Amino acid sequence: MGTRPQTVGYGLADSPAGLAAWFYDKLADWVFTRGEPERVLSRDEILDNITLYWLTNTATSSGRIYWENNAVGNKLAEIVIPAAVTVFPGEVYRPPKSWAARAYRNLIYYNRVDRGGHFAAWEEPDLFSAELRAAFRSLR
């Protein structure tokens, strides 16, 4: 997805079985329970999500952000609005607080939690909601 999203996109848009296999592979690798996504997501939830991508034909476009991030490189604009970071242990990138503070000049919240991965809002919705509330409570 990061180098040629259109190439993989043709296969994902052409085959529901291909889409399901590709998506399940990503879930198995990126959820906190590494290799066992069914420990945090039901089969119906997984199939619902795959179906949503299939019916809307959005697997390719949803992956383009990875290519676009590579294309931009380090030419990012400074982020000055209030920002919050929660580090989920199963996420691919887990920045230390010092790095987050350099990236977000107005870092108002930083926390590490004990569960959740790349799909944290889906895997751990209660924890994700609690973190979101805690992160921006000071702005109320």
C-alpha atoms as a PDB file:
ATOM      1  CA  MET A   1       0.000   0.000   0.000  1.00  0.00           C
ATOM      2  CA  GLY A   2       2.849   2.365   0.730  1.00  0.00           C
ATOM      3  CA  THR A   3       4.549   1.945  -2.630  1.00  0.00           C
ATOM      4  CA  ARG A   4       1.861   0.970  -5.173  1.00  0.00           C
ATOM      5  CA  PRO A   5      -1.662   1.086  -3.735  1.00  0.00           C
ATOM      6  CA  GLN A   6      -3.325   0.807  -7.130  1.00  0.00           C
ATOM      7  CA  THR A   7      -1.605  -2.499  -7.896  1.00  0.00           C
ATOM      8  CA  VAL A   8      -2.872  -4.270  -4.793  1.00  0.00           C
ATOM      9  CA  GLY A   9      -6.139  -2.359  -5.150  1.00  0.00           C
ATOM     10  CA  TYR A  10      -7.033  -4.100  -8.410  1.00  0.00           C
ATOM     11  CA  GLY A  11      -6.978  -7.464  -6.665  1.00  0.00           C
ATOM     12  CA  LEU A  12      -8.891  -6.190  -3.658  1.00  0.00           C
ATOM     13  CA  ALA A  13     -11.590  -4.674  -5.873  1.00  0.00           C
ATOM     14  CA  ASP A  14     -11.863  -7.763  -8.075  1.00  0.00           C
ATOM     15  CA  SER A  15     -12.237 -10.559  -5.544  1.00  0.00           C
ATOM     16  CA  PRO A  16     -14.237 -10.665  -2.307  1.00  0.00           C
ATOM     17  CA  ALA A  17     -12.181 -13.686  -1.246  1.00  0.00           C
ATOM     18  CA  GLY A  18      -8.967 -11.777  -1.986  1.00  0.00           C
ATOM     19  CA  LEU A  19     -10.207  -8.783  -0.026  1.00  0.00           C
ATOM     20  CA  ALA A  20     -11.194 -10.991   2.915  1.00  0.00           C
ATOM     21  CA  ALA A  21      -7.826 -12.760   2.941  1.00  0.00           C
ATOM     22  CA  TRP A  22      -5.861  -9.511   2.692  1.00  0.00           C
ATOM     23  CA  PHE A  23      -7.943  -7.788   5.360  1.00  0.00           C
ATOM     24  CA  TYR A  24      -7.780 -10.745   7.750  1.00  0.00           C
ATOM     25  CA  ASP A  25      -4.004 -10.872   7.340  1.00  0.00           C
ATOM     26  CA  LYS A  26      -3.784  -7.212   8.376  1.00  0.00           C
ATOM     27  CA  LEU A  27      -6.089  -7.793  11.346  1.00  0.00           C
ATOM     28  CA  ALA A  28      -4.091 -10.805  12.498  1.00  0.00           C
ATOM     29  CA  ASP A  29      -0.882  -8.782  12.377  1.00  0.00           C
ATOM     30  CA  TRP A  30      -2.085  -5.420  13.698  1.00  0.00           C
ATOM     31  CA  VAL A  31      -4.494  -6.168  16.548  1.00  0.00           C
ATOM     32  CA  PHE A  32      -3.067  -6.323  20.047  1.00  0.00           C
ATOM     33  CA  THR A  33      -3.674 -10.093  20.263  1.00  0.00           C
ATOM     34  CA  ARG A  34      -1.193 -10.698  17.402  1.00  0.00           C
ATOM     35  CA  GLY A  35      -2.366 -13.629  15.308  1.00  0.00           C
ATOM     36  CA  GLU A  36      -5.691 -14.046  17.104  1.00  0.00           C
ATOM     37  CA  PRO A  37      -8.019 -11.212  16.097  1.00  0.00           C
ATOM     38  CA  GLU A  38     -11.057 -13.252  17.187  1.00  0.00           C
ATOM     39  CA  ARG A  39      -9.994 -12.753  20.819  1.00  0.00           C
ATOM     40  CA  VAL A  40     -11.063  -9.097  20.573  1.00  0.00           C
ATOM     41  CA  LEU A  41     -13.311  -8.990  17.487  1.00  0.00           C
ATOM     42  CA  SER A  42     -16.153 -11.354  16.675  1.00  0.00           C
ATOM     43  CA  ARG A  43     -16.307 -13.050  13.284  1.00  0.00           C
ATOM     44  CA  ASP A  44     -19.452 -11.056  12.539  1.00  0.00           C
ATOM     45  CA  GLU A  45     -17.607  -7.795  13.292  1.00  0.00           C
ATOM     46  CA  ILE A  46     -14.736  -8.816  11.023  1.00  0.00           C
ATOM     47  CA  LEU A  47     -17.087  -9.873   8.225  1.00  0.00           C
ATOM     48  CA  ASP A  48     -19.150  -6.694   8.633  1.00  0.00           C
ATOM     49  CA  ASN A  49     -16.039  -4.592   8.168  1.00  0.00           C
ATOM     50  CA  ILE A  50     -14.852  -6.566   5.150  1.00  0.00           C
ATOM     51  CA  THR A  51     -18.352  -6.315   3.665  1.00  0.00           C
ATOM     52  CA  LEU A  52     -18.357  -2.544   4.143  1.00  0.00           C
ATOM     53  CA  TYR A  53     -15.124  -2.252   2.164  1.00  0.00           C
ATOM     54  CA  TRP A  54     -16.458  -4.625  -0.523  1.00  0.00           C
ATOM     55  CA  LEU A  55     -19.848  -2.947  -1.002  1.00  0.00           C
ATOM     56  CA  THR A  56     -18.362   0.554  -1.128  1.00  0.00           C
ATOM     57  CA  ASN A  57     -15.324  -0.544  -3.180  1.00  0.00           C
ATOM     58  CA  THR A  58     -13.040   1.474  -0.890  1.00  0.00           C
ATOM     59  CA  ALA A  59     -10.167  -0.905  -0.098  1.00  0.00           C
ATOM     60  CA  THR A  60      -7.866   0.846  -2.563  1.00  0.00           C
ATOM     61  CA  SER A  61      -8.763   4.407  -1.630  1.00  0.00           C
ATOM     62  CA  SER A  62      -8.534   3.652   2.095  1.00  0.00           C
ATOM     63  CA  GLY A  63      -4.979   2.465   1.616  1.00  0.00           C
ATOM     64  CA  ARG A  64      -3.810   5.467  -0.365  1.00  0.00           C
ATOM     65  CA  ILE A  65      -2.938   7.366   2.823  1.00  0.00           C
ATOM     66  CA  TYR A  66       0.091   5.089   3.207  1.00  0.00           C
ATOM     67  CA  TRP A  67       1.322   6.004  -0.271  1.00  0.00           C
ATOM     68  CA  GLU A  68       0.509   9.686   0.243  1.00  0.00           C
ATOM     69  CA  ASN A  69       2.462   9.773   3.512  1.00  0.00           C
ATOM     70  CA  ASN A  70       5.478   8.270   1.744  1.00  0.00           C
ATOM     71  CA  ALA A  71       5.182  10.791  -1.095  1.00  0.00           C
ATOM     72  CA  VAL A  72       5.191  13.781   1.276  1.00  0.00           C
ATOM     73  CA  GLY A  73       8.237  12.613   3.207  1.00  0.00           C
ATOM     74  CA  ASN A  74       9.406  15.005   5.885  1.00  0.00           C
ATOM     75  CA  LYS A  75       7.789  18.111   4.403  1.00  0.00           C
ATOM     76  CA  LEU A  76       5.008  18.308   6.962  1.00  0.00           C
ATOM     77  CA  ALA A  77       3.491  21.529   8.229  1.00  0.00           C
ATOM     78  CA  GLU A  78       3.889  22.279  11.909  1.00  0.00           C
ATOM     79  CA  ILE A  79       0.912  21.173  13.986  1.00  0.00           C
ATOM     80  CA  VAL A  80      -0.022  23.892  16.467  1.00  0.00           C
ATOM     81  CA  ILE A  81      -3.549  22.935  17.546  1.00  0.00           C
ATOM     82  CA  PRO A  82      -3.971  21.052  20.840  1.00  0.00           C
ATOM     83  CA  ALA A  83      -2.933  17.447  20.285  1.00  0.00           C
ATOM     84  CA  ALA A  84      -3.175  14.250  22.286  1.00  0.00           C
ATOM     85  CA  VAL A  85      -1.341  10.949  21.962  1.00  0.00           C
ATOM     86  CA  THR A  86      -2.324   7.617  23.425  1.00  0.00           C
ATOM     87  CA  VAL A  87       0.181   4.853  22.797  1.00  0.00           C
ATOM     88  CA  PHE A  88      -1.472   1.475  22.299  1.00  0.00           C
ATOM     89  CA  PRO A  89       0.988  -1.415  22.820  1.00  0.00           C
ATOM     90  CA  GLY A  90      -0.049  -3.278  19.660  1.00  0.00           C
ATOM     91  CA  GLU A  91       0.286  -0.273  17.353  1.00  0.00           C
ATOM     92  CA  VAL A  92       2.982  -0.326  14.709  1.00  0.00           C
ATOM     93  CA  TYR A  93       4.458   3.045  15.782  1.00  0.00           C
ATOM     94  CA  ARG A  94       4.723   3.797  19.515  1.00  0.00           C
ATOM     95  CA  PRO A  95       6.487   7.134  19.981  1.00  0.00           C
ATOM     96  CA  PRO A  96       8.141   8.073  23.266  1.00  0.00           C
ATOM     97  CA  LYS A  97       6.756  11.221  24.840  1.00  0.00           C
ATOM     98  CA  SER A  98       9.807  13.271  23.847  1.00  0.00           C
ATOM     99  CA  TRP A  99       9.194  12.474  20.158  1.00  0.00           C
ATOM    100  CA  ALA A 100       5.479  13.216  20.410  1.00  0.00           C
ATOM    101  CA  ALA A 101       6.258  16.569  22.044  1.00  0.00           C
ATOM    102  CA  ARG A 102       8.595  17.466  19.177  1.00  0.00           C
ATOM    103  CA  ALA A 103       5.962  16.528  16.583  1.00  0.00           C
ATOM    104  CA  TYR A 104       3.110  18.312  18.372  1.00  0.00           C
ATOM    105  CA  ARG A 105       4.187  21.657  19.809  1.00  0.00           C
ATOM    106  CA  ASN A 106       0.938  21.913  21.778  1.00  0.00           C
ATOM    107  CA  LEU A 107       0.851  18.376  23.220  1.00  0.00           C
ATOM    108  CA  ILE A 108      -1.744  18.520  25.986  1.00  0.00           C
ATOM    109  CA  TYR A 109      -2.019  14.809  26.747  1.00  0.00           C
ATOM    110  CA  TYR A 110       0.213  11.746  26.492  1.00  0.00           C
ATOM    111  CA  ASN A 111      -0.583   8.324  27.901  1.00  0.00           C
ATOM    112  CA  ARG A 112       0.399   4.692  27.454  1.00  0.00           C
ATOM    113  CA  VAL A 113      -2.283   2.040  27.900  1.00  0.00           C
ATOM    114  CA  ASP A 114      -2.029  -1.699  28.424  1.00  0.00           C
ATOM    115  CA  ARG A 115      -4.083  -3.013  25.498  1.00  0.00           C
ATOM    116  CA  GLY A 116      -5.150  -2.162  21.967  1.00  0.00           C
ATOM    117  CA  GLY A 117      -3.451  -2.160  18.597  1.00  0.00           C
ATOM    118  CA  HIS A 118      -3.669  -0.472  15.214  1.00  0.00           C
ATOM    119  CA  PHE A 119      -7.464  -0.753  15.286  1.00  0.00           C
ATOM    120  CA  ALA A 120      -7.753   0.434  18.911  1.00  0.00           C
ATOM    121  CA  ALA A 121     -11.111   2.189  18.501  1.00  0.00           C
ATOM    122  CA  TRP A 122     -12.550  -1.063  17.159  1.00  0.00           C
ATOM    123  CA  GLU A 123     -10.665  -3.469  19.437  1.00  0.00           C
ATOM    124  CA  GLU A 124     -11.113  -1.550  22.689  1.00  0.00           C
ATOM    125  CA  PRO A 125     -13.928   0.985  22.194  1.00  0.00           C
ATOM    126  CA  ASP A 126     -14.425   1.676  25.916  1.00  0.00           C
ATOM    127  CA  LEU A 127     -10.717   2.300  26.505  1.00  0.00           C
ATOM    128  CA  PHE A 128     -10.461   4.400  23.341  1.00  0.00           C
ATOM    129  CA  SER A 129     -13.458   6.536  24.387  1.00  0.00           C
ATOM    130  CA  ALA A 130     -12.052   6.993  27.891  1.00  0.00           C
ATOM    131  CA  GLU A 131      -8.721   8.118  26.440  1.00  0.00           C
ATOM    132  CA  LEU A 132     -10.419  10.559  24.080  1.00  0.00           C
ATOM    133  CA  ARG A 133     -12.417  12.070  26.951  1.00  0.00           C
ATOM    134  CA  ALA A 134      -9.356  12.315  29.199  1.00  0.00           C
ATOM    135  CA  ALA A 135      -7.252  13.806  26.425  1.00  0.00           C
ATOM    136  CA  PHE A 136      -9.508  16.761  25.748  1.00  0.00           C
ATOM    137  CA  ARG A 137     -11.204  17.222  29.135  1.00  0.00           C
ATOM    138  CA  SER A 138      -9.057  20.292  29.822  1.00  0.00           C
ATOM    139  CA  LEU A 139     -10.502  22.034  26.762  1.00  0.00           C
ATOM    140  CA  ARG A 140     -14.120  21.908  27.964  1.00  0.00           C
END
